Amino acid sequence: MTTADTVDYVSDMDPAKKQVKKPKARPIADAGKPIEADKIEYETVAEIGEGATIFKLRTLDVFLMGYIYDNASYLAQKPQSNEVGIHTRVNQTNMETVRHGLTGFVNFADAKGGQIVFKSQKEIVNGRVYDVVSDEVMNKLGVRLIQELATKIKSLSEVSAAEEKNSVGA
């Protein structure tokens, strides 16, 4: 996946997304054999219904990730003291992640049912120009949704050990 690719994501808070239990797929070798009802294994999967809001998310490049994480914490010394503390800006980090990682949405309505129009603006970070979510749209997302979207974007932006292994020698 590249930073130009997007992934569709439906929030866990969306009423159209339900968790349902379904029987696990059986190995092909066992497919024709009868199975006792009490031995059926189930898994919980997300089922997306009609009317769901679909968020378009992209990964962040290393320059953005570095910038966001570098600005996530700062040291502060108490006046008249040698005590130094580390302060973390979790919400700011989440907002910056979503601002850069959200590229659009489908079926996103305001409290009155009107469709929200996605708008972006240009932002320069470390000499690079990025299209980012406008302040107007960010204001409509809410802190809990921003936190959830940021978590997903961050996980998409990290290379897993398996992905790293697959890229060796490529």
Protein backbone atom coordinates (compact mmCIF):
# COMPACT_ATOMS: atom_id res chain seq x y z
CA MET A 1 0.00 0.00 0.00
CA THR A 2 1.28 3.48 -0.86
CA THR A 3 0.31 6.90 0.45
CA ALA A 4 -1.74 7.38 -2.74
CA ASP A 5 -3.91 4.31 -2.00
CA THR A 6 -6.97 4.54 0.22
CA VAL A 7 -8.81 2.09 2.44
CA ASP A 8 -12.54 2.20 3.17
CA TYR A 9 -13.29 2.23 6.90
CA VAL A 10 -16.58 2.22 8.82
CA SER A 11 -16.46 3.44 12.41
CA ASP A 12 -17.25 1.01 15.21
CA MET A 13 -19.70 3.69 16.44
CA ASP A 14 -21.69 3.63 13.19
CA PRO A 15 -25.17 2.16 13.82
CA ALA A 16 -24.96 0.41 10.42
CA LYS A 17 -21.94 -1.63 11.61
CA LYS A 18 -22.95 -4.63 13.66
CA GLN A 19 -20.87 -7.42 15.21
CA VAL A 20 -22.37 -10.80 14.32
CA LYS A 21 -21.35 -14.37 15.11
CA LYS A 22 -20.80 -16.61 12.11
CA PRO A 23 -19.53 -20.17 11.86
CA LYS A 24 -15.81 -20.31 11.11
CA ALA A 25 -14.85 -21.60 7.68
CA ARG A 26 -13.84 -25.23 7.74
CA PRO A 27 -10.72 -26.57 6.05
CA ILE A 28 -11.41 -27.98 2.58
CA ALA A 29 -10.44 -31.49 3.76
CA ASP A 30 -13.23 -31.37 6.39
CA ALA A 31 -15.88 -29.72 4.21
CA GLY A 32 -17.83 -32.89 3.37
CA LYS A 33 -17.81 -34.41 6.85
CA PRO A 34 -20.74 -33.89 9.22
CA ILE A 35 -20.04 -31.79 12.30
CA GLU A 36 -21.82 -31.93 15.63
CA ALA A 37 -23.74 -28.74 16.51
CA ASP A 38 -21.90 -28.30 19.82
CA LYS A 39 -18.53 -28.46 18.05
CA ILE A 40 -19.17 -25.67 15.56
CA GLU A 41 -16.69 -22.86 16.06
CA TYR A 42 -17.91 -19.31 15.67
CA GLU A 43 -16.12 -16.03 15.06
CA THR A 44 -17.33 -12.47 15.49
CA VAL A 45 -17.20 -10.42 12.31
CA ALA A 46 -18.30 -6.92 11.37
CA GLU A 47 -21.29 -6.69 9.10
CA ILE A 48 -21.85 -3.36 7.37
CA GLY A 49 -25.46 -2.45 6.65
CA GLU A 50 -26.98 0.06 4.31
CA GLY A 51 -26.45 3.73 5.11
CA ALA A 52 -23.03 3.35 6.74
CA THR A 53 -20.61 6.25 6.62
CA ILE A 54 -17.50 5.18 4.76
CA PHE A 55 -14.30 7.06 5.56
CA LYS A 56 -11.50 7.04 2.98
CA LEU A 57 -8.16 6.66 4.79
CA ARG A 58 -4.59 6.67 3.54
CA THR A 59 -1.26 5.89 5.10
CA LEU A 60 1.09 8.65 6.19
CA ASP A 61 4.63 8.91 4.86
CA VAL A 62 7.62 8.78 7.20
CA PHE A 63 8.10 12.54 7.05
CA LEU A 64 4.57 13.15 8.38
CA MET A 65 4.82 10.40 10.99
CA GLY A 66 8.10 11.88 12.24
CA TYR A 67 6.63 15.37 12.36
CA ILE A 68 3.48 14.23 14.18
CA TYR A 69 5.30 12.09 16.75
CA ASP A 70 8.03 14.70 17.31
CA ASN A 71 5.34 17.24 18.18
CA ALA A 72 3.44 14.80 20.40
CA SER A 73 5.50 15.40 23.56
CA TYR A 74 7.46 18.17 25.15
CA LEU A 75 9.49 18.72 28.30
CA ALA A 76 8.46 21.36 30.79
CA GLN A 77 10.15 22.54 33.95
CA LYS A 78 8.12 23.83 36.88
CA PRO A 79 8.94 27.42 37.82
CA GLN A 80 11.45 27.70 40.69
CA SER A 81 12.10 23.97 40.56
CA ASN A 82 14.49 21.44 39.09
CA GLU A 83 11.57 19.11 38.37
CA VAL A 84 11.05 18.39 34.68
CA GLY A 85 8.00 16.60 33.32
CA ILE A 86 7.05 15.15 29.97
CA HIS A 87 3.73 16.32 28.59
CA THR A 88 2.01 14.39 25.81
CA ARG A 89 -0.44 15.94 23.37
CA VAL A 90 -2.51 12.86 22.56
CA ASN A 91 -5.51 14.68 21.08
CA GLN A 92 -3.33 16.98 18.99
CA THR A 93 -1.46 13.95 17.65
CA ASN A 94 -4.76 12.28 16.74
CA MET A 95 -6.07 15.42 15.04
CA GLU A 96 -2.91 15.81 12.95
CA THR A 97 -3.04 12.15 11.98
CA VAL A 98 -6.66 12.42 10.82
CA ARG A 99 -6.08 15.80 9.19
CA HIS A 100 -3.43 14.17 6.96
CA GLY A 101 -4.85 10.64 6.67
CA LEU A 102 -8.54 11.24 5.89
CA THR A 103 -9.06 11.82 2.16
CA GLY A 104 -12.85 11.81 1.98
CA PHE A 105 -16.06 10.14 3.07
CA VAL A 106 -19.38 8.90 1.75
CA ASN A 107 -22.74 9.29 3.47
CA PHE A 108 -21.55 11.49 6.35
CA ALA A 109 -24.48 13.51 7.70
CA ASP A 110 -24.77 16.26 10.30
CA ALA A 111 -27.21 16.18 13.24
CA LYS A 112 -30.04 17.46 11.00
CA GLY A 113 -29.44 14.78 8.36
CA GLY A 114 -27.75 17.06 5.83
CA GLN A 115 -24.79 15.61 3.95
CA ILE A 116 -21.43 17.08 4.98
CA VAL A 117 -19.23 18.02 2.05
CA PHE A 118 -15.58 17.01 2.32
CA LYS A 119 -13.23 19.98 1.97
CA SER A 120 -9.47 20.11 2.04
CA GLN A 121 -6.81 22.77 2.23
CA LYS A 122 -3.09 22.92 1.54
CA GLU A 123 -0.57 22.65 4.36
CA ILE A 124 3.21 22.72 4.23
CA VAL A 125 5.04 20.37 6.59
CA ASN A 126 8.84 20.31 6.54
CA GLY A 127 8.86 21.89 3.07
CA ARG A 128 6.38 19.38 1.60
CA VAL A 129 2.87 20.39 0.46
CA TYR A 130 -0.01 18.19 1.60
CA ASP A 131 -3.78 18.24 1.02
CA VAL A 132 -5.32 18.05 4.48
CA VAL A 133 -8.83 18.04 5.92
CA SER A 134 -10.22 21.55 6.38
CA ASP A 135 -10.83 22.97 9.86
CA GLU A 136 -14.56 23.12 9.05
CA VAL A 137 -14.72 19.36 8.42
CA MET A 138 -12.43 18.50 11.35
CA ASN A 139 -14.85 20.37 13.62
CA LYS A 140 -17.68 18.05 12.60
CA LEU A 141 -15.86 14.79 13.41
CA GLY A 142 -15.77 14.86 17.22
CA VAL A 143 -12.98 13.73 19.53
CA ARG A 144 -14.04 10.06 19.85
CA LEU A 145 -14.31 9.58 16.08
CA ILE A 146 -10.99 11.36 15.54
CA GLN A 147 -9.36 9.04 18.08
CA GLU A 148 -10.75 5.95 16.32
CA LEU A 149 -9.78 7.14 12.83
CA ALA A 150 -6.29 8.14 14.03
CA THR A 151 -5.74 4.68 15.53
CA LYS A 152 -6.67 3.07 12.21
CA ILE A 153 -4.51 5.45 10.15
CA LYS A 154 -1.52 4.90 12.45
CA SER A 155 -1.88 1.12 12.18
CA LEU A 156 -2.09 1.36 8.38
CA SER A 157 1.04 3.53 8.35
CA GLU A 158 3.20 1.08 10.28
CA VAL A 159 5.04 -1.73 8.54
CA SER A 160 4.39 -5.03 10.32
CA ALA A 161 7.13 -7.61 10.91
CA ALA A 162 5.55 -9.86 8.25
CA GLU A 163 5.44 -7.01 5.71
CA GLU A 164 9.03 -6.10 6.53
CA LYS A 165 10.11 -9.72 6.05
CA ASN A 166 8.30 -9.87 2.68
CA SER A 167 10.08 -6.76 1.42
CA VAL A 168 13.59 -8.02 2.21
CA GLY A 169 15.38 -8.67 -1.06
CA ALA A 170 12.53 -7.23 -3.10
